[in-house]
Amino acid sequence: MRGMELLLLRHAQPEWSRGREAQVDPGLTTLGHRQAELAADRLAGTHLDEVLVSTATRAQQTAAPLRQRLRDIPSPDRAWLHEIKAPDTWQGIPSEEVDRVFQEQRERPRDAWWDGIEGGESFRDFHARVTDGLTLELNERGFRRDDDGLWHLPDDAPDRLLMVAHAGTNSVVLGHLLGLEPEPWEWERFALDHASITVLRTTPIAGAHIFSLSSFSDVAHLPSDLVTA
C-alpha cells in the first residue's frame, strides 16, 4: 500500500520584542534568517510535492529561501496554519507586560486554559481551526478517515507534503494525526525547536493507514550555537 510523509517545519527564531516593545506579528531575527537559510538548504534536496505556509510573517520569512529554491513546487499560503492569535492590543506594549501575562496564565486551572488569553483566540477555536483546515487539506487530496480513526489514501496520494507553521499549530497537527486527546497546552507537550523538522509517515495497518511519528524536532541542519527554542 502506498504511503506518504507529512513534514512540519517550525518557523525560525522571531523578533518578539523590538526596542522592548512587543510585536504581535514579528519577523525573524538575524539568527532566525540564518536558521531559515539552513533549513532551506536541507529541504531543497528533498522531493516535495507541495509546500503550505502559514500567513504569519515569521512563517513567511522562514519559507522564503525555500520558495526561492523550489520555484516549480506549488507553495500556497494557508491562514488555518497561523499560530493561536494573540490580542491585537499587545502590539507595541512593553514586553515585560506580555511576559507578566504569560506567567500569570500558566498558573490558571486546566479548564481556564481552553479560553485562551483575554482578547486573543481561545484554544477551543484555535484547535478547531487547525484540525478543520488539516482535514479539508487531506480530504481535497483524496484522504479519508473512517470511524475507527484509520486513514484511507488515494492511489495518487502525494509522496511528501511540507507545512511551514508554528509550535502550537504543529503540535495540534501532531496530536490530531496521532489520535491523542487534545490538551489546551499542546505546545507544552511537543517541545519543538525553531526551524526544526518533524516527520509523520503513514503506516499501513488493518487494511488502511495510521500516521506514525518518524522523527521529532530534528535540527541536524543547524550548528549547536544556532539551536533555539
Protein backbone atom coordinates (compact mmCIF):
# COMPACT_ATOMS: atom_id res chain seq x y z
CA MET A 1 0.00 0.00 0.00
CA ARG A 2 1.36 3.37 -0.99
CA GLY A 3 2.20 5.80 1.82
CA MET A 4 3.16 9.44 2.23
CA GLU A 5 5.12 11.74 4.52
CA LEU A 6 3.95 14.94 6.15
CA LEU A 7 6.80 17.28 7.16
CA LEU A 8 6.24 20.01 9.74
CA LEU A 9 8.76 22.87 9.75
CA ARG A 10 8.52 25.26 12.67
CA HIS A 11 9.35 28.88 11.85
CA ALA A 12 12.81 30.19 12.72
CA GLN A 13 13.58 32.48 15.67
CA PRO A 14 11.21 35.50 15.72
CA GLU A 15 11.84 39.02 16.97
CA TRP A 16 9.10 39.08 19.61
CA SER A 17 10.47 42.24 21.19
CA ARG A 18 11.80 45.26 19.32
CA GLY A 19 13.24 48.01 21.48
CA ARG A 20 11.50 46.32 24.44
CA GLU A 21 8.14 46.70 22.67
CA ALA A 22 6.05 43.57 21.97
CA GLN A 23 5.43 42.52 18.36
CA VAL A 24 2.17 40.68 17.59
CA ASP A 25 3.27 39.52 14.12
CA PRO A 26 7.06 39.59 14.26
CA GLY A 27 9.57 38.91 11.55
CA LEU A 28 12.73 36.90 12.11
CA THR A 29 15.85 37.87 13.99
CA THR A 30 19.20 37.87 12.20
CA LEU A 31 19.85 34.44 13.71
CA GLY A 32 16.39 33.34 12.57
CA HIS A 33 17.12 34.28 8.95
CA ARG A 34 20.26 32.12 9.13
CA GLN A 35 18.21 29.22 10.52
CA ALA A 36 15.75 29.60 7.66
CA GLU A 37 18.54 29.51 5.07
CA LEU A 38 19.97 26.31 6.58
CA ALA A 39 16.55 24.67 6.72
CA ALA A 40 16.05 25.57 3.05
CA ASP A 41 19.45 24.10 2.15
CA ARG A 42 18.41 20.83 3.72
CA LEU A 43 14.86 20.64 2.37
CA ALA A 44 15.78 21.74 -1.16
CA GLY A 45 17.43 18.35 -1.62
CA THR A 46 14.23 16.53 -0.64
CA HIS A 47 11.43 15.71 -3.06
CA LEU A 48 8.40 17.78 -2.08
CA ASP A 49 5.05 17.73 -3.86
CA GLU A 50 3.73 20.88 -2.20
CA VAL A 51 4.62 23.43 0.49
CA LEU A 52 1.84 25.01 2.58
CA VAL A 53 2.82 28.14 4.51
CA SER A 54 1.22 29.96 7.44
CA THR A 55 0.23 33.56 6.75
CA ALA A 56 2.21 34.82 9.79
CA THR A 57 5.24 36.97 8.91
CA ARG A 58 7.70 34.70 10.77
CA ALA A 59 6.49 31.68 8.80
CA GLN A 60 6.53 33.59 5.50
CA GLN A 61 10.13 34.68 6.10
CA THR A 62 11.12 31.15 7.12
CA ALA A 63 9.65 29.75 3.91
CA ALA A 64 11.11 32.48 1.63
CA PRO A 65 14.55 30.91 0.97
CA LEU A 66 12.97 27.52 0.32
CA ARG A 67 10.48 29.04 -2.09
CA GLN A 68 13.41 30.62 -3.94
CA ARG A 69 14.98 27.19 -4.36
CA LEU A 70 11.77 25.37 -5.30
CA ARG A 71 10.11 27.77 -7.72
CA ASP A 72 8.32 24.98 -9.60
CA ILE A 73 6.69 23.49 -6.49
CA PRO A 74 3.20 24.74 -5.51
CA SER A 75 3.54 26.83 -2.33
CA PRO A 76 0.20 28.36 -1.30
CA ASP A 77 -0.43 30.38 1.87
CA ARG A 78 -2.86 28.93 4.39
CA ALA A 79 -4.49 31.09 7.09
CA TRP A 80 -5.54 28.00 9.06
CA LEU A 81 -1.86 27.27 9.75
CA HIS A 82 -1.43 30.57 11.65
CA GLU A 83 -0.47 30.28 15.31
CA ILE A 84 -3.09 30.91 18.01
CA LYS A 85 -3.86 34.62 17.80
CA ALA A 86 -2.57 36.97 20.50
CA PRO A 87 -4.54 40.10 21.43
CA ASP A 88 -4.06 42.85 18.82
CA THR A 89 -3.72 45.33 21.67
CA TRP A 90 -0.35 43.78 22.55
CA GLN A 91 1.34 45.46 19.59
CA GLY A 92 3.89 47.95 20.92
CA ILE A 93 3.18 47.50 24.64
CA PRO A 94 6.16 46.85 26.95
CA SER A 95 7.50 43.33 26.52
CA GLU A 96 7.61 42.96 30.31
CA GLU A 97 3.82 43.31 30.40
CA VAL A 98 3.39 40.43 27.92
CA ASP A 99 5.81 38.30 29.93
CA ARG A 100 3.81 39.03 33.08
CA VAL A 101 0.53 37.99 31.45
CA PHE A 102 2.03 34.75 30.15
CA GLN A 103 3.41 33.89 33.57
CA GLU A 104 0.04 34.53 35.21
CA GLN A 105 -1.73 32.45 32.56
CA ARG A 106 0.44 29.43 33.38
CA GLU A 107 -0.99 29.32 36.90
CA ARG A 108 -4.62 29.02 35.77
CA PRO A 109 -6.54 25.72 36.17
CA ARG A 110 -6.86 23.48 33.13
CA ASP A 111 -10.44 24.47 32.28
CA ALA A 112 -9.44 28.14 32.08
CA TRP A 113 -6.67 27.34 29.59
CA TRP A 114 -9.29 26.44 26.99
CA ASP A 115 -10.45 30.08 26.99
CA GLY A 116 -7.04 31.37 25.92
CA ILE A 117 -5.78 34.84 26.77
CA GLU A 118 -8.36 37.60 27.15
CA GLY A 119 -8.66 39.48 23.87
CA GLY A 120 -6.96 36.69 21.90
CA GLU A 121 -8.13 33.49 20.24
CA SER A 122 -9.42 30.74 22.53
CA PHE A 123 -7.71 27.39 22.38
CA ARG A 124 -11.07 25.81 21.51
CA ASP A 125 -11.36 27.98 18.40
CA PHE A 126 -7.67 27.52 17.54
CA HIS A 127 -7.86 23.73 17.80
CA ALA A 128 -10.99 23.63 15.65
CA ARG A 129 -9.44 25.96 13.06
CA VAL A 130 -6.31 23.83 12.70
CA THR A 131 -7.97 20.40 12.72
CA ASP A 132 -10.73 21.53 10.33
CA GLY A 133 -8.14 23.06 7.99
CA LEU A 134 -5.96 19.96 8.12
CA THR A 135 -8.90 17.64 7.45
CA LEU A 136 -10.00 19.76 4.49
CA GLU A 137 -6.48 19.74 3.01
CA LEU A 138 -6.24 15.95 3.30
CA ASN A 139 -9.79 15.39 2.01
CA GLU A 140 -9.08 17.56 -1.02
CA ARG A 141 -6.17 15.22 -1.79
CA GLY A 142 -8.37 12.15 -1.53
CA PHE A 143 -7.59 11.13 2.07
CA ARG A 144 -10.49 9.78 4.12
CA ARG A 145 -10.63 8.98 7.84
CA ASP A 146 -13.04 6.21 8.85
CA ASP A 147 -15.00 5.79 12.10
CA ASP A 148 -12.14 3.78 13.62
CA GLY A 149 -9.70 6.65 13.06
CA LEU A 150 -7.88 4.86 10.22
CA TRP A 151 -6.88 6.75 7.10
CA HIS A 152 -7.60 5.59 3.55
CA LEU A 153 -5.22 7.01 0.96
CA PRO A 154 -5.89 7.55 -2.74
CA ASP A 155 -3.70 5.87 -5.35
CA ASP A 156 -2.33 9.27 -6.36
CA ALA A 157 -1.52 10.45 -2.83
CA PRO A 158 1.39 12.93 -2.68
CA ASP A 159 4.71 11.42 -1.66
CA ARG A 160 5.71 14.29 0.60
CA LEU A 161 3.87 17.39 1.82
CA LEU A 162 5.55 20.17 3.83
CA MET A 163 3.81 22.59 6.17
CA VAL A 164 5.67 25.68 7.45
CA ALA A 165 3.95 26.79 10.63
CA HIS A 166 4.33 27.16 14.40
CA ALA A 167 4.86 25.32 17.67
CA GLY A 168 1.17 25.47 18.53
CA THR A 169 -0.10 24.63 15.06
CA ASN A 170 2.36 21.80 14.52
CA SER A 171 1.58 20.39 17.96
CA VAL A 172 -2.15 20.33 17.24
CA VAL A 173 -1.47 18.58 13.92
CA LEU A 174 0.72 16.03 15.69
CA GLY A 175 -1.80 15.27 18.40
CA HIS A 176 -4.69 15.05 15.96
CA LEU A 177 -3.00 12.73 13.47
CA LEU A 178 -1.56 10.54 16.23
CA GLY A 179 -5.02 10.12 17.73
CA LEU A 180 -4.29 11.86 21.06
CA GLU A 181 -6.92 13.60 23.14
CA PRO A 182 -6.31 17.37 22.84
CA GLU A 183 -4.94 19.44 25.69
CA PRO A 184 -5.13 23.26 25.83
CA TRP A 185 -1.33 23.42 26.11
CA GLU A 186 -0.37 21.26 23.13
CA TRP A 187 2.86 23.23 22.51
CA GLU A 188 3.99 22.22 26.01
CA ARG A 189 3.55 18.51 25.20
CA PHE A 190 5.54 18.81 21.96
CA ALA A 191 8.63 20.96 22.57
CA LEU A 192 9.71 22.00 19.08
CA ASP A 193 12.89 23.98 18.39
CA HIS A 194 12.96 26.87 15.94
CA ALA A 195 13.46 25.77 12.31
CA SER A 196 13.09 22.13 13.37
CA ILE A 197 11.67 19.45 11.10
CA THR A 198 9.19 16.85 12.35
CA VAL A 199 8.07 13.98 10.12
CA LEU A 200 4.86 11.97 10.21
CA ARG A 201 4.70 8.93 7.95
CA THR A 202 1.66 6.85 7.05
CA THR A 203 1.94 3.22 8.12
CA PRO A 204 -0.28 0.51 6.58
CA ILE A 205 -2.33 -1.33 9.19
CA ALA A 206 -5.70 -3.14 9.31
CA GLY A 207 -6.32 -2.56 5.63
CA ALA A 208 -5.80 1.21 5.90
CA HIS A 209 -3.18 3.58 7.37
CA ILE A 210 -2.28 5.34 10.58
CA PHE A 211 0.12 8.27 10.96
CA SER A 212 3.35 7.35 12.75
CA LEU A 213 5.88 9.77 14.22
CA SER A 214 9.06 9.17 12.22
CA SER A 215 11.26 11.99 13.57
CA PHE A 216 10.70 14.84 16.00
CA SER A 217 12.18 18.37 16.21
CA ASP A 218 15.13 17.43 14.00
CA VAL A 219 17.73 20.22 13.92
CA ALA A 220 20.60 18.28 12.36
CA HIS A 221 20.87 21.06 9.74
CA LEU A 222 21.71 23.63 12.45
CA PRO A 223 25.06 24.01 14.24
CA SER A 224 24.66 23.79 18.01
CA ASP A 225 25.10 27.55 18.51
CA LEU A 226 22.12 28.22 16.22
CA VAL A 227 19.65 25.93 18.02
CA THR A 228 16.96 27.92 19.84
CA ALA A 229 13.60 27.04 21.34
